[in-house]
Amino acid sequence: MLTITRHGTPSALPALLIAHGLFGSGRNWGAIAKRMSDSREVLAVDMRNHAGSFWDARHDYPAMAADLAQVIEAEGQKMDVLGHSMGGKAVMVLALTRPELVNRAVIADIAPVAYGHSQNELIHAMRGLDLEGLASRSEADRRLASEIEDPQVRAFLLQSLDLKAQPPRWRLHLDVLEAQMDVITGWPEDAEGTAPYQGPVLFLSGGASDYVKPSDRSKIRALFPRARMAKIPDAGHWLHAEQPRAFEQTLRVFLGDG
């Protein structure tokens, strides 16, 4: 089963399950999870091939959705489920194939479509990082800067670098993520389920992000007839990190504890 970080205690509200995006971890969602746990239990998972969870040769959306289903089934009742980017696609497949497990779904800055970009250049940069004698995250950041210009991207990636290991290592299965990149950026048309998901779904996007385009709305509504669309101004793809308070408030209103 996936590694789970729990926040809060069970309440009258459904538990909230959070699935992070590519190269992330449940830890990335710690601030949101802790704040949302004032009214419900929150479970932030590490997805397969990431952080503390198991490594596996498969990294497709049916497999990731099955991982999330296993977590919910072990808890014994349906949950509200939030997924960002890669995690959002996994949540969509979960809702379409196991609708009985999902109460409400929030899909953060991703659509049920294939994307043409690749993140393998980041994998190449991580793999090329000189780990010899590395003792601090600041030194790792300095070394990584020669390959990745954006300091925010470097800071995000370096959260997955285990400096306590000897020698230091990435807590990411880089070989599998690289090999499966087309699957990760794609969309499994054959795993959409036999019927649309009829529960409430919020597609929450960053106002400065282009991951969810107006042309995607017809596909979204075909698969999720009760979908609502919302944007957070002045936020990009990592909207929960860039505008955490606005993200949290929108989440609370949609999930019914605002």
Protein backbone atom coordinates (compact mmCIF):
# COMPACT_ATOMS: atom_id res chain seq x y z
CA MET A 1 0.00 0.00 0.00
CA LEU A 2 1.02 3.62 -0.47
CA THR A 3 2.79 5.46 2.33
CA ILE A 4 0.27 7.71 4.09
CA THR A 5 0.73 10.81 6.25
CA ARG A 6 -2.33 11.39 8.42
CA HIS A 7 -3.54 14.71 9.77
CA GLY A 8 -6.43 15.27 12.17
CA THR A 9 -9.02 12.78 13.37
CA PRO A 10 -12.20 11.28 11.90
CA SER A 11 -15.26 13.52 12.04
CA ALA A 12 -18.76 13.73 10.61
CA LEU A 13 -17.23 14.92 7.32
CA PRO A 14 -15.71 12.42 4.88
CA ALA A 15 -11.95 12.00 5.11
CA LEU A 16 -9.95 13.82 2.45
CA LEU A 17 -7.39 11.88 0.40
CA ILE A 18 -4.68 13.93 -1.37
CA ALA A 19 -2.70 12.63 -4.38
CA HIS A 20 0.33 14.72 -5.38
CA GLY A 21 1.80 15.37 -8.82
CA LEU A 22 4.90 14.16 -10.65
CA PHE A 23 8.15 14.39 -8.63
CA GLY A 24 6.13 15.37 -5.54
CA SER A 25 5.18 13.73 -2.27
CA GLY A 26 2.52 13.86 0.39
CA ARG A 27 4.88 16.16 2.29
CA ASN A 28 4.41 18.84 -0.39
CA TRP A 29 0.79 19.09 0.76
CA GLY A 30 1.56 19.32 4.48
CA ALA A 31 0.38 22.92 4.95
CA ILE A 32 -2.94 22.38 3.13
CA ALA A 33 -3.47 19.01 4.85
CA LYS A 34 -2.85 20.40 8.33
CA ARG A 35 -5.20 23.33 7.83
CA MET A 36 -7.96 21.18 6.34
CA SER A 37 -7.60 18.71 9.23
CA ASP A 38 -9.31 21.13 11.63
CA SER A 39 -12.64 19.71 10.44
CA ARG A 40 -11.88 16.24 9.07
CA GLU A 41 -9.20 13.59 8.79
CA VAL A 42 -6.79 14.17 5.90
CA LEU A 43 -4.62 11.49 4.32
CA ALA A 44 -1.75 12.65 2.07
CA VAL A 45 -0.20 9.75 0.17
CA ASP A 46 3.12 9.24 -1.56
CA MET A 47 2.31 7.93 -5.03
CA ARG A 48 4.09 4.83 -6.33
CA ASN A 49 7.71 5.41 -7.40
CA HIS A 50 7.80 8.54 -5.23
CA ALA A 51 9.08 9.37 -1.73
CA GLY A 52 8.28 6.66 0.83
CA SER A 53 6.06 4.45 -1.32
CA PHE A 54 7.01 1.29 -3.18
CA TRP A 55 8.82 1.21 -6.51
CA ASP A 56 7.24 -0.65 -9.41
CA ALA A 57 7.84 -1.03 -13.16
CA ARG A 58 4.27 0.16 -13.85
CA HIS A 59 3.45 3.84 -13.62
CA ASP A 60 0.19 4.15 -15.51
CA TYR A 61 -3.08 5.69 -14.40
CA PRO A 62 -5.08 2.47 -13.93
CA ALA A 63 -2.33 1.27 -11.57
CA MET A 64 -2.21 4.58 -9.70
CA ALA A 65 -6.01 4.69 -9.43
CA ALA A 66 -5.95 1.13 -8.04
CA ASP A 67 -3.43 2.25 -5.42
CA LEU A 68 -5.79 5.02 -4.30
CA ALA A 69 -8.72 2.60 -4.30
CA GLN A 70 -6.77 0.27 -2.00
CA VAL A 71 -6.22 3.12 0.47
CA ILE A 72 -9.92 4.05 0.49
CA GLU A 73 -11.05 0.44 0.80
CA ALA A 74 -8.73 -0.05 3.78
CA GLU A 75 -10.38 2.95 5.47
CA GLY A 76 -13.80 1.35 4.99
CA GLN A 77 -15.77 4.29 3.61
CA LYS A 78 -15.86 6.60 0.60
CA MET A 79 -13.75 9.74 0.68
CA ASP A 80 -13.41 13.18 -0.81
CA VAL A 81 -10.39 12.97 -3.11
CA LEU A 82 -8.05 15.75 -4.30
CA GLY A 83 -5.43 15.24 -6.98
CA HIS A 84 -2.93 17.64 -8.51
CA SER A 85 -1.48 17.20 -12.02
CA MET A 86 -0.44 13.53 -12.31
CA GLY A 87 -2.37 12.87 -9.11
CA GLY A 88 -5.38 14.61 -10.65
CA LYS A 89 -5.39 12.22 -13.59
CA ALA A 90 -5.15 9.28 -11.18
CA VAL A 91 -8.14 10.67 -9.25
CA MET A 92 -10.13 11.09 -12.46
CA VAL A 93 -9.52 7.45 -13.42
CA LEU A 94 -10.44 6.39 -9.88
CA ALA A 95 -13.73 8.30 -10.04
CA LEU A 96 -14.58 6.88 -13.48
CA THR A 97 -13.73 3.27 -12.66
CA ARG A 98 -14.58 3.07 -8.92
CA PRO A 99 -17.25 5.75 -8.44
CA GLU A 100 -18.57 4.08 -5.30
CA LEU A 101 -15.35 5.07 -3.48
CA VAL A 102 -15.44 8.80 -4.28
CA ASN A 103 -17.75 11.28 -2.56
CA ARG A 104 -16.47 14.47 -4.20
CA ALA A 105 -13.39 15.05 -6.33
CA VAL A 106 -11.15 18.08 -6.78
CA ILE A 107 -8.86 18.09 -9.81
CA ALA A 108 -6.10 20.67 -9.52
CA ASP A 109 -4.75 22.14 -12.77
CA ILE A 110 -5.01 19.18 -15.13
CA ALA A 111 -7.49 17.94 -17.75
CA PRO A 112 -8.40 14.44 -19.02
CA VAL A 113 -6.29 14.90 -22.14
CA ALA A 114 -2.83 14.01 -23.42
CA TYR A 115 -0.15 16.69 -23.23
CA GLY A 116 2.67 17.14 -25.70
CA HIS A 117 5.38 18.16 -23.26
CA SER A 118 7.88 15.94 -21.45
CA GLN A 119 9.52 16.36 -18.07
CA ASN A 120 12.46 14.13 -18.94
CA GLU A 121 14.82 17.11 -19.02
CA LEU A 122 14.25 17.42 -15.26
CA ILE A 123 15.00 13.73 -14.83
CA HIS A 124 18.23 14.16 -16.79
CA ALA A 125 19.16 17.09 -14.53
CA MET A 126 18.44 15.12 -11.36
CA ARG A 127 20.33 12.11 -12.62
CA GLY A 128 23.27 14.33 -13.56
CA LEU A 129 23.49 16.02 -10.14
CA ASP A 130 26.88 15.34 -8.58
CA LEU A 131 26.04 13.72 -5.23
CA GLU A 132 29.69 13.26 -4.21
CA GLY A 133 30.34 14.88 -0.85
CA LEU A 134 26.93 16.56 -0.86
CA ALA A 135 26.02 17.61 2.67
CA SER A 136 23.47 20.43 2.36
CA ARG A 137 20.42 21.32 0.33
CA SER A 138 21.91 24.73 -0.44
CA GLU A 139 24.93 23.08 -2.02
CA ALA A 140 22.66 20.73 -3.97
CA ASP A 141 20.71 23.77 -5.19
CA ARG A 142 23.94 25.45 -6.31
CA ARG A 143 25.01 22.39 -8.28
CA LEU A 144 21.56 21.87 -9.82
CA ALA A 145 21.38 25.52 -10.92
CA SER A 146 23.69 24.79 -13.85
CA GLU A 147 20.95 22.59 -15.35
CA ILE A 148 17.72 24.11 -13.99
CA GLU A 149 17.42 27.89 -14.02
CA ASP A 150 14.14 28.29 -12.12
CA PRO A 151 14.82 28.35 -8.34
CA GLN A 152 11.24 27.32 -7.53
CA VAL A 153 11.54 24.20 -9.67
CA ARG A 154 14.89 23.37 -8.05
CA ALA A 155 13.42 23.82 -4.56
CA PHE A 156 10.49 21.56 -5.45
CA LEU A 157 12.70 18.80 -6.86
CA LEU A 158 15.17 18.96 -3.98
CA GLN A 159 12.42 18.04 -1.53
CA SER A 160 12.84 14.53 -2.96
CA LEU A 161 16.60 14.39 -2.34
CA ASP A 162 17.48 12.27 0.69
CA LEU A 163 20.61 13.86 2.16
CA LYS A 164 20.59 11.52 5.17
CA ALA A 165 21.26 8.49 2.99
CA GLN A 166 24.88 7.49 2.45
CA PRO A 167 25.47 8.33 -0.28
CA PRO A 168 22.62 10.84 -0.85
CA ARG A 169 19.92 9.58 -3.22
CA TRP A 170 16.78 10.67 -5.00
CA ARG A 171 13.58 9.27 -3.45
CA LEU A 172 12.18 8.90 -6.99
CA HIS A 173 12.35 5.92 -9.33
CA LEU A 174 13.87 8.03 -12.09
CA ASP A 175 14.37 5.13 -14.53
CA VAL A 176 10.69 4.14 -14.47
CA LEU A 177 9.43 7.74 -14.53
CA GLU A 178 11.59 8.44 -17.57
CA ALA A 179 10.51 5.25 -19.35
CA GLN A 180 6.82 5.95 -18.60
CA MET A 181 6.87 9.68 -19.35
CA ASP A 182 4.61 9.38 -22.41
CA VAL A 183 2.11 7.48 -20.26
CA ILE A 184 2.30 10.09 -17.49
CA THR A 185 1.73 13.02 -19.85
CA GLY A 186 -0.89 11.05 -21.78
CA TRP A 187 -4.45 10.08 -20.93
CA PRO A 188 -5.75 6.47 -20.84
CA GLU A 189 -8.79 6.61 -23.12
CA ASP A 190 -9.32 2.88 -22.55
CA ALA A 191 -9.53 3.34 -18.75
CA GLU A 192 -12.35 5.85 -18.61
CA GLY A 193 -14.89 3.39 -17.27
CA THR A 194 -18.23 2.43 -18.74
CA ALA A 195 -20.13 5.57 -17.71
CA PRO A 196 -19.45 9.18 -16.72
CA TYR A 197 -18.82 9.92 -13.06
CA GLN A 198 -22.01 11.46 -11.70
CA GLY A 199 -20.64 12.93 -8.48
CA PRO A 200 -19.59 16.54 -7.90
CA VAL A 201 -16.17 17.47 -9.32
CA LEU A 202 -14.30 20.76 -9.10
CA PHE A 203 -11.69 21.49 -11.77
CA LEU A 204 -9.59 24.15 -10.07
CA SER A 205 -6.95 25.81 -12.25
CA GLY A 206 -4.27 28.44 -11.89
CA GLY A 207 -5.21 31.66 -13.65
CA ALA A 208 -1.70 31.91 -15.10
CA SER A 209 -1.52 28.24 -16.11
CA ASP A 210 -2.34 26.81 -19.54
CA TYR A 211 -2.83 23.21 -18.42
CA VAL A 212 -6.64 23.41 -18.66
CA LYS A 213 -7.75 25.06 -21.88
CA PRO A 214 -11.26 26.16 -22.95
CA SER A 215 -11.10 23.43 -25.61
CA ASP A 216 -10.82 20.80 -22.85
CA ARG A 217 -14.20 21.63 -21.35
CA SER A 218 -16.24 19.45 -23.69
CA LYS A 219 -14.18 16.39 -22.74
CA ILE A 220 -14.41 17.29 -19.05
CA ARG A 221 -18.19 17.63 -19.16
CA ALA A 222 -18.59 14.41 -21.14
CA LEU A 223 -16.79 12.46 -18.42
CA PHE A 224 -17.91 14.53 -15.44
CA PRO A 225 -21.39 16.01 -16.11
CA ARG A 226 -21.52 17.76 -12.72
CA ALA A 227 -18.12 19.40 -13.13
CA ARG A 228 -17.57 22.95 -11.96
CA MET A 229 -14.72 25.09 -13.26
CA ALA A 230 -12.86 27.67 -11.19
CA LYS A 231 -9.58 29.59 -11.41
CA ILE A 232 -7.28 31.05 -8.77
CA PRO A 233 -5.88 34.37 -10.03
CA ASP A 234 -2.14 34.97 -9.98
CA ALA A 235 -1.38 31.26 -9.67
CA GLY A 236 0.39 28.91 -12.05
CA HIS A 237 0.51 25.13 -12.18
CA TRP A 238 1.53 24.79 -8.51
CA LEU A 239 -1.51 26.79 -7.43
CA HIS A 240 -1.71 25.22 -3.97
CA ALA A 241 1.84 26.40 -3.17
CA GLU A 242 1.58 29.80 -4.87
CA GLN A 243 -1.82 30.80 -3.43
CA PRO A 244 -2.38 28.44 -0.46
CA ARG A 245 -5.02 30.51 1.33
CA ALA A 246 -7.15 31.01 -1.79
CA PHE A 247 -6.74 27.32 -2.63
CA GLU A 248 -7.76 26.29 0.89
CA GLN A 249 -10.82 28.54 0.94
CA THR A 250 -12.04 27.30 -2.44
CA LEU A 251 -11.53 23.73 -1.26
CA ARG A 252 -13.52 24.34 1.93
CA VAL A 253 -16.46 25.87 0.09
CA PHE A 254 -16.65 23.04 -2.45
CA LEU A 255 -16.23 20.26 0.12
CA GLY A 256 -18.81 21.75 2.45
CA ASP A 257 -16.72 22.85 5.42
CA GLY A 258 -16.12 26.45 4.48
